[in-house]
C-alpha atoms as a PDB file:
ATOM      1  CA  MET A   1      90.086 116.646 103.905  1.00  0.00           C
ATOM      2  CA  ILE A   2      90.305 112.901 104.632  1.00  0.00           C
ATOM      3  CA  LEU A   3      87.906 111.956 101.678  1.00  0.00           C
ATOM      4  CA  GLN A   4      90.275 113.736  99.381  1.00  0.00           C
ATOM      5  CA  LEU A   5      93.330 111.907 100.537  1.00  0.00           C
ATOM      6  CA  ILE A   6      91.499 108.948 100.092  1.00  0.00           C
ATOM      7  CA  ILE A   7      90.590 109.665  96.643  1.00  0.00           C
ATOM      8  CA  LEU A   8      94.248 110.998  95.975  1.00  0.00           C
ATOM      9  CA  ILE A   9      95.419 107.842  96.894  1.00  0.00           C
ATOM     10  CA  CYS A  10      93.110 105.862  94.832  1.00  0.00           C
ATOM     11  CA  VAL A  11      94.238 107.611  91.977  1.00  0.00           C
ATOM     12  CA  LEU A  12      97.812 107.201  92.837  1.00  0.00           C
ATOM     13  CA  GLN A  13      97.430 103.579  93.100  1.00  0.00           C
ATOM     14  CA  ILE A  14      95.663 103.368  89.783  1.00  0.00           C
ATOM     15  CA  LEU A  15      98.758 105.221  88.366  1.00  0.00           C
ATOM     16  CA  LEU A  16     101.187 103.055  89.732  1.00  0.00           C
ATOM     17  CA  TYR A  17      99.364  99.902  88.436  1.00  0.00           C
ATOM     18  CA  ILE A  18      99.325 101.386  85.078  1.00  0.00           C
ATOM     19  CA  LEU A  19     103.340 102.341  85.469  1.00  0.00           C
ATOM     20  CA  ILE A  20     103.742  98.522  86.766  1.00  0.00           C
ATOM     21  CA  ASP A  21     101.957  97.060  83.785  1.00  0.00           C
ATOM     22  CA  GLN A  22     104.255  98.937  81.329  1.00  0.00           C
ATOM     23  CA  LEU A  23     107.327  98.099  82.905  1.00  0.00           C
ATOM     24  CA  ASN A  24     106.120  94.265  83.463  1.00  0.00           C
ATOM     25  CA  ILE A  25     107.298  94.106  87.223  1.00  0.00           C
ATOM     26  CA  LYS A  26     106.188  91.158  88.850  1.00  0.00           C
ATOM     27  CA  TYR A  27     104.627  91.053  92.467  1.00  0.00           C
ATOM     28  CA  ALA A  28     104.702  94.834  92.647  1.00  0.00           C
ATOM     29  CA  LYS A  29     100.914  95.254  92.799  1.00  0.00           C
ATOM     30  CA  GLY A  30     101.042  93.218  96.044  1.00  0.00           C
ATOM     31  CA  LEU A  31     103.632  95.195  97.548  1.00  0.00           C
ATOM     32  CA  ILE A  32     101.771  98.522  96.845  1.00  0.00           C
ATOM     33  CA  LEU A  33      98.413  96.998  98.040  1.00  0.00           C
ATOM     34  CA  PHE A  34     100.372  96.257 101.157  1.00  0.00           C
ATOM     35  CA  ALA A  35     101.766  99.451 101.889  1.00  0.00           C
ATOM     36  CA  ILE A  36      98.941 101.606 101.020  1.00  0.00           C
ATOM     37  CA  LEU A  37      96.685  99.002 103.480  1.00  0.00           C
ATOM     38  CA  TYR A  38      99.574  99.651 105.998  1.00  0.00           C
ATOM     39  CA  ALA A  39      99.258 103.400 105.837  1.00  0.00           C
ATOM     40  CA  HIS A  40      95.837 103.594 105.983  1.00  0.00           C
ATOM     41  CA  ILE A  41      95.880 101.214 108.966  1.00  0.00           C
ATOM     42  CA  PHE A  42      98.859 102.556 110.930  1.00  0.00           C
ATOM     43  CA  VAL A  43     100.273 105.907 109.586  1.00  0.00           C
ATOM     44  CA  LEU A  44      97.698 107.886 107.992  1.00  0.00           C
ATOM     45  CA  PRO A  45      95.086 108.060 111.117  1.00  0.00           C
ATOM     46  CA  GLY A  46      97.494 109.343 113.508  1.00  0.00           C
ATOM     47  CA  TYR A  47      98.226 112.804 111.381  1.00  0.00           C
ATOM     48  CA  PHE A  48      94.171 113.943 111.471  1.00  0.00           C
ATOM     49  CA  ILE A  49      93.628 112.692 115.340  1.00  0.00           C
ATOM     50  CA  PRO A  50      92.975 115.917 117.009  1.00  0.00           C
ATOM     51  CA  ALA A  51      95.236 117.135 120.112  1.00  0.00           C
ATOM     52  CA  PRO A  52      93.960 116.556 123.554  1.00  0.00           C
ATOM     53  CA  LYS A  53      92.691 119.809 124.952  1.00  0.00           C
ATOM     54  CA  PRO A  54      94.052 120.797 128.495  1.00  0.00           C
ATOM     55  CA  GLY A  55      91.416 121.291 131.251  1.00  0.00           C
ATOM     56  CA  GLY A  56      88.671 120.139 128.555  1.00  0.00           C
ATOM     57  CA  VAL A  57      86.762 116.940 127.944  1.00  0.00           C
ATOM     58  CA  ASN A  58      89.501 114.785 126.144  1.00  0.00           C
ATOM     59  CA  CYS A  59      86.820 112.035 124.536  1.00  0.00           C
ATOM     60  CA  GLY A  60      87.822 109.301 122.503  1.00  0.00           C
ATOM     61  CA  MET A  61      85.140 109.346 119.937  1.00  0.00           C
ATOM     62  CA  PRO A  62      87.007 111.431 117.448  1.00  0.00           C
ATOM     63  CA  MET A  63      90.090 109.164 117.475  1.00  0.00           C
ATOM     64  CA  MET A  64      87.843 106.158 116.873  1.00  0.00           C
ATOM     65  CA  ALA A  65      86.004 107.718 113.947  1.00  0.00           C
ATOM     66  CA  ILE A  66      89.003 109.038 112.775  1.00  0.00           C
ATOM     67  CA  THR A  67      90.719 105.362 112.731  1.00  0.00           C
ATOM     68  CA  LEU A  68      87.838 103.782 112.226  1.00  0.00           C
ATOM     69  CA  GLY A  69      87.117 105.520 109.171  1.00  0.00           C
ATOM     70  CA  PHE A  70      90.642 105.202 107.628  1.00  0.00           C
ATOM     71  CA  TRP A  71      90.199 101.721 108.240  1.00  0.00           C
ATOM     72  CA  ILE A  72      86.841 100.907 106.510  1.00  0.00           C
ATOM     73  CA  PHE A  73      86.643 103.409 103.784  1.00  0.00           C
ATOM     74  CA  GLY A  74      90.308 103.837 103.331  1.00  0.00           C
ATOM     75  CA  GLY A  75      91.121 100.432 103.310  1.00  0.00           C
ATOM     76  CA  GLY A  76      87.847  99.237 101.441  1.00  0.00           C
ATOM     77  CA  VAL A  77      88.434 101.528  98.836  1.00  0.00           C
ATOM     78  CA  THR A  78      92.047 100.195  98.242  1.00  0.00           C
ATOM     79  CA  LEU A  79      91.025  96.425  98.025  1.00  0.00           C
ATOM     80  CA  LEU A  80      88.065  97.819  95.724  1.00  0.00           C
ATOM     81  CA  THR A  81      90.277  99.647  93.631  1.00  0.00           C
ATOM     82  CA  HIS A  82      92.782  96.518  93.293  1.00  0.00           C
ATOM     83  CA  TYR A  83      90.057  94.270  92.761  1.00  0.00           C
ATOM     84  CA  ILE A  84      88.562  95.866  89.788  1.00  0.00           C
ATOM     85  CA  TYR A  85      91.890  96.767  88.246  1.00  0.00           C
ATOM     86  CA  SER A  86      92.948  93.330  88.239  1.00  0.00           C
ATOM     87  CA  ILE A  87      89.645  92.228  86.836  1.00  0.00           C
ATOM     88  CA  ILE A  88      89.775  94.999  84.074  1.00  0.00           C
ATOM     89  CA  ALA A  89      93.327  94.297  83.180  1.00  0.00           C
ATOM     90  CA  GLY A  90      93.009  90.848  83.175  1.00  0.00           C
ATOM     91  CA  ALA A  91      90.136  91.167  80.794  1.00  0.00           C
ATOM     92  CA  LYS A  92      92.531  93.218  78.513  1.00  0.00           C
ATOM     93  CA  HIS A  93      95.441  90.921  78.412  1.00  0.00           C
ATOM     94  CA  ARG A  94      93.046  87.789  77.190  1.00  0.00           C
END
């Protein structure tokens, strides 16, 4: 589920970049990059952290794994998508 969400966000990021290139809006790619990174770091992990079980062992490992997964994989894919799109779009405009 998390991997599908990261891939969906990556596709959405590419589509927004294509739209921004067609509309010729300055600095919007940076704002989109910042918004997606903010979501990966602060917003999205909270939706996937399991609820604590009353009377059971409440280990923090699932919470840490989900959070670090979003930080490392989500943030990494977002930055990689941004840089690759910028390189390809820059080569096409030359």
